Amino acid sequence: MIIVNLDVMMARRKMSLNELSERVGITVANLSILKTGKAKAVRFSTLDAICRALDCTPGDILEFRPD
């Protein structure tokens, strides 16, 4: 199971969903889908942009938990 910790990183950086959306160039709706873990996939370019905006690594956002 893949856990999305986007909300944790946003809280650590004190960044709102709207601000991240503007910085990354993705709609708030699409970021919300990713944040809630409902996304089926994420592009590397999107993940790269999110990591740059939040000054983090993909491992800070995505976590694997075996069942």
PDB file of N, CA and C in Angstrom:
ATOM      1  N   MET A   1       0.839  -1.170   0.000  1.00  0.00           N
ATOM      2  CA  MET A   1       0.000   0.000   0.000  1.00  0.00           C
ATOM      3  C   MET A   1       0.893   1.245   0.000  1.00  0.00           C
ATOM      4  N   ILE A   2       0.564   2.201  -0.858  1.00  0.00           N
ATOM      5  CA  ILE A   2       1.306   3.454  -0.940  1.00  0.00           C
ATOM      6  C   ILE A   2       0.537   4.534  -0.176  1.00  0.00           C
ATOM      7  N   ILE A   3       1.211   5.178   0.761  1.00  0.00           N
ATOM      8  CA  ILE A   3       0.625   6.251   1.556  1.00  0.00           C
ATOM      9  C   ILE A   3       1.174   7.573   1.033  1.00  0.00           C
ATOM     10  N   VAL A   4       0.289   8.543   0.829  1.00  0.00           N
ATOM     11  CA  VAL A   4       0.692   9.869   0.355  1.00  0.00           C
ATOM     12  C   VAL A   4       0.720  10.811   1.552  1.00  0.00           C
ATOM     13  N   ASN A   5       1.895  11.334   1.850  1.00  0.00           N
ATOM     14  CA  ASN A   5       2.088  12.238   2.979  1.00  0.00           C
ATOM     15  C   ASN A   5       2.209  13.695   2.534  1.00  0.00           C
ATOM     16  N   LEU A   6       1.511  14.040   1.480  1.00  0.00           N
ATOM     17  CA  LEU A   6       1.594  15.396   0.950  1.00  0.00           C
ATOM     18  C   LEU A   6       1.116  16.417   1.976  1.00  0.00           C
ATOM     19  N   ASP A   7       0.054  16.106   2.688  1.00  0.00           N
ATOM     20  CA  ASP A   7      -0.470  17.041   3.682  1.00  0.00           C
ATOM     21  C   ASP A   7       0.529  17.281   4.813  1.00  0.00           C
ATOM     22  N   VAL A   8       1.301  16.247   5.170  1.00  0.00           N
ATOM     23  CA  VAL A   8       2.316  16.385   6.217  1.00  0.00           C
ATOM     24  C   VAL A   8       3.409  17.347   5.764  1.00  0.00           C
ATOM     25  N   MET A   9       3.884  17.167   4.528  1.00  0.00           N
ATOM     26  CA  MET A   9       4.949  18.040   4.022  1.00  0.00           C
ATOM     27  C   MET A   9       4.448  19.471   3.851  1.00  0.00           C
ATOM     28  N   MET A  10       3.209  19.623   3.407  1.00  0.00           N
ATOM     29  CA  MET A  10       2.643  20.971   3.260  1.00  0.00           C
ATOM     30  C   MET A  10       2.550  21.653   4.623  1.00  0.00           C
ATOM     31  N   ALA A  11       2.157  20.921   5.651  1.00  0.00           N
ATOM     32  CA  ALA A  11       2.066  21.489   6.998  1.00  0.00           C
ATOM     33  C   ALA A  11       3.444  21.877   7.518  1.00  0.00           C
ATOM     34  N   ARG A  12       4.438  21.035   7.261  1.00  0.00           N
ATOM     35  CA  ARG A  12       5.814  21.346   7.706  1.00  0.00           C
ATOM     36  C   ARG A  12       6.343  22.614   7.038  1.00  0.00           C
ATOM     37  N   ARG A  13       5.939  22.816   5.793  1.00  0.00           N
ATOM     38  CA  ARG A  13       6.414  23.994   5.047  1.00  0.00           C
ATOM     39  C   ARG A  13       5.453  25.180   5.173  1.00  0.00           C
ATOM     40  N   LYS A  14       4.366  24.956   5.934  1.00  0.00           N
ATOM     41  CA  LYS A  14       3.337  25.984   6.127  1.00  0.00           C
ATOM     42  C   LYS A  14       2.843  26.524   4.790  1.00  0.00           C
ATOM     43  N   MET A  15       2.528  25.596   3.892  1.00  0.00           N
ATOM     44  CA  MET A  15       2.081  25.942   2.551  1.00  0.00           C
ATOM     45  C   MET A  15       0.661  25.442   2.340  1.00  0.00           C
ATOM     46  N   SER A  16      -0.186  26.308   1.812  1.00  0.00           N
ATOM     47  CA  SER A  16      -1.573  25.937   1.539  1.00  0.00           C
ATOM     48  C   SER A  16      -1.666  25.179   0.223  1.00  0.00           C
ATOM     49  N   LEU A  17      -2.799  24.518   0.039  1.00  0.00           N
ATOM     50  CA  LEU A  17      -3.057  23.795  -1.203  1.00  0.00           C
ATOM     51  C   LEU A  17      -3.072  24.767  -2.382  1.00  0.00           C
ATOM     52  N   ASN A  18      -3.655  25.937  -2.176  1.00  0.00           N
ATOM     53  CA  ASN A  18      -3.696  26.947  -3.241  1.00  0.00           C
ATOM     54  C   ASN A  18      -2.296  27.414  -3.625  1.00  0.00           C
ATOM     55  N   GLU A  19      -1.450  27.652  -2.633  1.00  0.00           N
ATOM     56  CA  GLU A  19      -0.088  28.101  -2.919  1.00  0.00           C
ATOM     57  C   GLU A  19       0.703  27.020  -3.649  1.00  0.00           C
ATOM     58  N   LEU A  20       0.577  25.772  -3.191  1.00  0.00           N
ATOM     59  CA  LEU A  20       1.282  24.679  -3.859  1.00  0.00           C
ATOM     60  C   LEU A  20       0.785  24.520  -5.284  1.00  0.00           C
ATOM     61  N   SER A  21      -0.512  24.653  -5.478  1.00  0.00           N
ATOM     62  CA  SER A  21      -1.103  24.561  -6.807  1.00  0.00           C
ATOM     63  C   SER A  21      -0.490  25.595  -7.748  1.00  0.00           C
ATOM     64  N   GLU A  22      -0.364  26.820  -7.272  1.00  0.00           N
ATOM     65  CA  GLU A  22       0.226  27.889  -8.092  1.00  0.00           C
ATOM     66  C   GLU A  22       1.686  27.608  -8.410  1.00  0.00           C
ATOM     67  N   ARG A  23       2.434  27.155  -7.416  1.00  0.00           N
ATOM     68  CA  ARG A  23       3.870  26.907  -7.612  1.00  0.00           C
ATOM     69  C   ARG A  23       4.129  25.740  -8.553  1.00  0.00           C
ATOM     70  N   VAL A  24       3.264  24.712  -8.479  1.00  0.00           N
ATOM     71  CA  VAL A  24       3.479  23.490  -9.261  1.00  0.00           C
ATOM     72  C   VAL A  24       2.823  23.574 -10.636  1.00  0.00           C
ATOM     73  N   GLY A  25       1.755  24.362 -10.738  1.00  0.00           N
ATOM     74  CA  GLY A  25       1.055  24.470 -12.010  1.00  0.00           C
ATOM     75  C   GLY A  25       0.040  23.363 -12.217  1.00  0.00           C
ATOM     76  N   ILE A  26      -0.550  22.889 -11.134  1.00  0.00           N
ATOM     77  CA  ILE A  26      -1.569  21.843 -11.165  1.00  0.00           C
ATOM     78  C   ILE A  26      -2.811  22.411 -10.493  1.00  0.00           C
ATOM     79  N   THR A  27      -3.958  21.968 -10.938  1.00  0.00           N
ATOM     80  CA  THR A  27      -5.193  22.461 -10.329  1.00  0.00           C
ATOM     81  C   THR A  27      -5.301  21.992  -8.875  1.00  0.00           C
ATOM     82  N   VAL A  28      -6.019  22.773  -8.091  1.00  0.00           N
ATOM     83  CA  VAL A  28      -6.261  22.405  -6.694  1.00  0.00           C
ATOM     84  C   VAL A  28      -6.994  21.062  -6.636  1.00  0.00           C
ATOM     85  N   ALA A  29      -7.919  20.842  -7.566  1.00  0.00           N
ATOM     86  CA  ALA A  29      -8.671  19.581  -7.600  1.00  0.00           C
ATOM     87  C   ALA A  29      -7.732  18.389  -7.784  1.00  0.00           C
ATOM     88  N   ASN A  30      -6.792  18.493  -8.701  1.00  0.00           N
ATOM     89  CA  ASN A  30      -5.857  17.385  -8.929  1.00  0.00           C
ATOM     90  C   ASN A  30      -4.931  17.172  -7.739  1.00  0.00           C
ATOM     91  N   LEU A  31      -4.501  18.258  -7.114  1.00  0.00           N
ATOM     92  CA  LEU A  31      -3.672  18.120  -5.920  1.00  0.00           C
ATOM     93  C   LEU A  31      -4.464  17.482  -4.786  1.00  0.00           C
ATOM     94  N   SER A  32      -5.725  17.817  -4.670  1.00  0.00           N
ATOM     95  CA  SER A  32      -6.579  17.233  -3.638  1.00  0.00           C
ATOM     96  C   SER A  32      -6.716  15.730  -3.836  1.00  0.00           C
ATOM     97  N   ILE A  33      -6.868  15.310  -5.078  1.00  0.00           N
ATOM     98  CA  ILE A  33      -6.960  13.881  -5.385  1.00  0.00           C
ATOM     99  C   ILE A  33      -5.673  13.170  -4.974  1.00  0.00           C
ATOM    100  N   LEU A  34      -4.549  13.787  -5.253  1.00  0.00           N
ATOM    101  CA  LEU A  34      -3.264  13.204  -4.862  1.00  0.00           C
ATOM    102  C   LEU A  34      -3.125  13.197  -3.342  1.00  0.00           C
ATOM    103  N   LYS A  35      -3.469  14.303  -2.705  1.00  0.00           N
ATOM    104  CA  LYS A  35      -3.322  14.447  -1.258  1.00  0.00           C
ATOM    105  C   LYS A  35      -4.151  13.421  -0.488  1.00  0.00           C
ATOM    106  N   THR A  36      -5.327  13.110  -0.982  1.00  0.00           N
ATOM    107  CA  THR A  36      -6.203  12.167  -0.290  1.00  0.00           C
ATOM    108  C   THR A  36      -5.894  10.712  -0.622  1.00  0.00           C
ATOM    109  N   GLY A  37      -4.922  10.488  -1.502  1.00  0.00           N
ATOM    110  CA  GLY A  37      -4.533   9.133  -1.852  1.00  0.00           C
ATOM    111  C   GLY A  37      -5.443   8.468  -2.860  1.00  0.00           C
ATOM    112  N   LYS A  38      -6.286   9.246  -3.523  1.00  0.00           N
ATOM    113  CA  LYS A  38      -7.226   8.692  -4.495  1.00  0.00           C
ATOM    114  C   LYS A  38      -6.667   8.650  -5.914  1.00  0.00           C
ATOM    115  N   ALA A  39      -5.488   9.209  -6.115  1.00  0.00           N
ATOM    116  CA  ALA A  39      -4.872   9.220  -7.443  1.00  0.00           C
ATOM    117  C   ALA A  39      -4.418   7.814  -7.806  1.00  0.00           C
ATOM    118  N   LYS A  40      -4.593   7.448  -9.057  1.00  0.00           N
ATOM    119  CA  LYS A  40      -4.157   6.138  -9.547  1.00  0.00           C
ATOM    120  C   LYS A  40      -2.699   6.175  -9.994  1.00  0.00           C
ATOM    121  N   ALA A  41      -2.222   7.377 -10.334  1.00  0.00           N
ATOM    122  CA  ALA A  41      -0.848   7.532 -10.817  1.00  0.00           C
ATOM    123  C   ALA A  41      -0.419   8.976 -10.619  1.00  0.00           C
ATOM    124  N   VAL A  42       0.887   9.182 -10.673  1.00  0.00           N
ATOM    125  CA  VAL A  42       1.434  10.537 -10.629  1.00  0.00           C
ATOM    126  C   VAL A  42       2.612  10.582 -11.600  1.00  0.00           C
ATOM    127  N   ARG A  43       2.665  11.611 -12.398  1.00  0.00           N
ATOM    128  CA  ARG A  43       3.766  11.761 -13.352  1.00  0.00           C
ATOM    129  C   ARG A  43       5.040  12.153 -12.616  1.00  0.00           C
ATOM    130  N   PHE A  44       6.156  11.688 -13.123  1.00  0.00           N
ATOM    131  CA  PHE A  44       7.432  12.070 -12.530  1.00  0.00           C
ATOM    132  C   PHE A  44       7.633  13.577 -12.592  1.00  0.00           C
ATOM    133  N   SER A  45       7.179  14.201 -13.664  1.00  0.00           N
ATOM    134  CA  SER A  45       7.343  15.652 -13.779  1.00  0.00           C
ATOM    135  C   SER A  45       6.536  16.377 -12.706  1.00  0.00           C
ATOM    136  N   THR A  46       5.360  15.840 -12.375  1.00  0.00           N
ATOM    137  CA  THR A  46       4.538  16.417 -11.310  1.00  0.00           C
ATOM    138  C   THR A  46       5.199  16.202  -9.955  1.00  0.00           C
ATOM    139  N   LEU A  47       5.678  15.004  -9.718  1.00  0.00           N
ATOM    140  CA  LEU A  47       6.360  14.694  -8.467  1.00  0.00           C
ATOM    141  C   LEU A  47       7.602  15.569  -8.310  1.00  0.00           C
ATOM    142  N   ASP A  48       8.327  15.764  -9.395  1.00  0.00           N
ATOM    143  CA  ASP A  48       9.513  16.623  -9.387  1.00  0.00           C
ATOM    144  C   ASP A  48       9.127  18.054  -9.005  1.00  0.00           C
ATOM    145  N   ALA A  49       8.076  18.574  -9.606  1.00  0.00           N
ATOM    146  CA  ALA A  49       7.638  19.941  -9.328  1.00  0.00           C
ATOM    147  C   ALA A  49       7.184  20.099  -7.877  1.00  0.00           C
ATOM    148  N   ILE A  50       6.480  19.100  -7.359  1.00  0.00           N
ATOM    149  CA  ILE A  50       6.026  19.141  -5.966  1.00  0.00           C
ATOM    150  C   ILE A  50       7.229  19.117  -5.021  1.00  0.00           C
ATOM    151  N   CYS A  51       8.182  18.255  -5.297  1.00  0.00           N
ATOM    152  CA  CYS A  51       9.378  18.169  -4.458  1.00  0.00           C
ATOM    153  C   CYS A  51      10.177  19.462  -4.488  1.00  0.00           C
ATOM    154  N   ARG A  52      10.264  20.085  -5.640  1.00  0.00           N
ATOM    155  CA  ARG A  52      10.970  21.369  -5.733  1.00  0.00           C
ATOM    156  C   ARG A  52      10.246  22.444  -4.930  1.00  0.00           C
ATOM    157  N   ALA A  53       8.923  22.484  -5.041  1.00  0.00           N
ATOM    158  CA  ALA A  53       8.134  23.501  -4.336  1.00  0.00           C
ATOM    159  C   ALA A  53       8.195  23.308  -2.823  1.00  0.00           C
ATOM    160  N   LEU A  54       8.239  22.050  -2.377  1.00  0.00           N
ATOM    161  CA  LEU A  54       8.239  21.762  -0.940  1.00  0.00           C
ATOM    162  C   LEU A  54       9.646  21.512  -0.388  1.00  0.00           C
ATOM    163  N   ASP A  55      10.662  21.570  -1.256  1.00  0.00           N
ATOM    164  CA  ASP A  55      12.047  21.322  -0.863  1.00  0.00           C
ATOM    165  C   ASP A  55      12.155  19.995  -0.103  1.00  0.00           C
ATOM    166  N   CYS A  56      11.742  18.920  -0.793  1.00  0.00           N
ATOM    167  CA  CYS A  56      11.763  17.598  -0.175  1.00  0.00           C
ATOM    168  C   CYS A  56      12.109  16.555  -1.232  1.00  0.00           C
ATOM    169  N   THR A  57      12.099  15.308  -0.837  1.00  0.00           N
ATOM    170  CA  THR A  57      12.352  14.209  -1.768  1.00  0.00           C
ATOM    171  C   THR A  57      11.065  13.413  -1.982  1.00  0.00           C
ATOM    172  N   PRO A  58      10.990  12.605  -3.029  1.00  0.00           N
ATOM    173  CA  PRO A  58       9.801  11.775  -3.237  1.00  0.00           C
ATOM    174  C   PRO A  58       9.499  10.872  -2.032  1.00  0.00           C
ATOM    175  N   GLY A  59      10.540  10.422  -1.344  1.00  0.00           N
ATOM    176  CA  GLY A  59      10.350   9.583  -0.170  1.00  0.00           C
ATOM    177  C   GLY A  59       9.695  10.305   0.997  1.00  0.00           C
ATOM    178  N   ASP A  60       9.762  11.636   0.993  1.00  0.00           N
ATOM    179  CA  ASP A  60       9.083  12.415   2.024  1.00  0.00           C
ATOM    180  C   ASP A  60       7.578  12.455   1.765  1.00  0.00           C
ATOM    181  N   ILE A  61       7.187  12.280   0.511  1.00  0.00           N
ATOM    182  CA  ILE A  61       5.786  12.388   0.122  1.00  0.00           C
ATOM    183  C   ILE A  61       5.131  11.012  -0.002  1.00  0.00           C
ATOM    184  N   LEU A  62       5.848  10.052  -0.567  1.00  0.00           N
ATOM    185  CA  LEU A  62       5.284   8.724  -0.800  1.00  0.00           C
ATOM    186  C   LEU A  62       5.929   7.703   0.141  1.00  0.00           C
ATOM    187  N   GLU A  63       5.108   6.880   0.745  1.00  0.00           N
ATOM    188  CA  GLU A  63       5.576   5.883   1.699  1.00  0.00           C
ATOM    189  C   GLU A  63       4.945   4.532   1.361  1.00  0.00           C
ATOM    190  N   PHE A  64       5.736   3.478   1.406  1.00  0.00           N
ATOM    191  CA  PHE A  64       5.242   2.133   1.157  1.00  0.00           C
ATOM    192  C   PHE A  64       5.014   1.421   2.481  1.00  0.00           C
ATOM    193  N   ARG A  65       3.821   0.875   2.654  1.00  0.00           N
ATOM    194  CA  ARG A  65       3.514   0.069   3.850  1.00  0.00           C
ATOM    195  C   ARG A  65       2.981  -1.276   3.375  1.00  0.00           C
ATOM    196  N   PRO A  66       3.721  -2.340   3.674  1.00  0.00           N
ATOM    197  CA  PRO A  66       3.218  -3.656   3.265  1.00  0.00           C
ATOM    198  C   PRO A  66       1.937  -3.993   4.033  1.00  0.00           C
ATOM    199  N   ASP A  67       1.068  -4.744   3.382  1.00  0.00           N
ATOM    200  CA  ASP A  67      -0.195  -5.121   4.033  1.00  0.00           C
ATOM    201  C   ASP A  67       0.004  -6.050   5.195  1.00  0.00           C
TER     202      ASP A  67
END
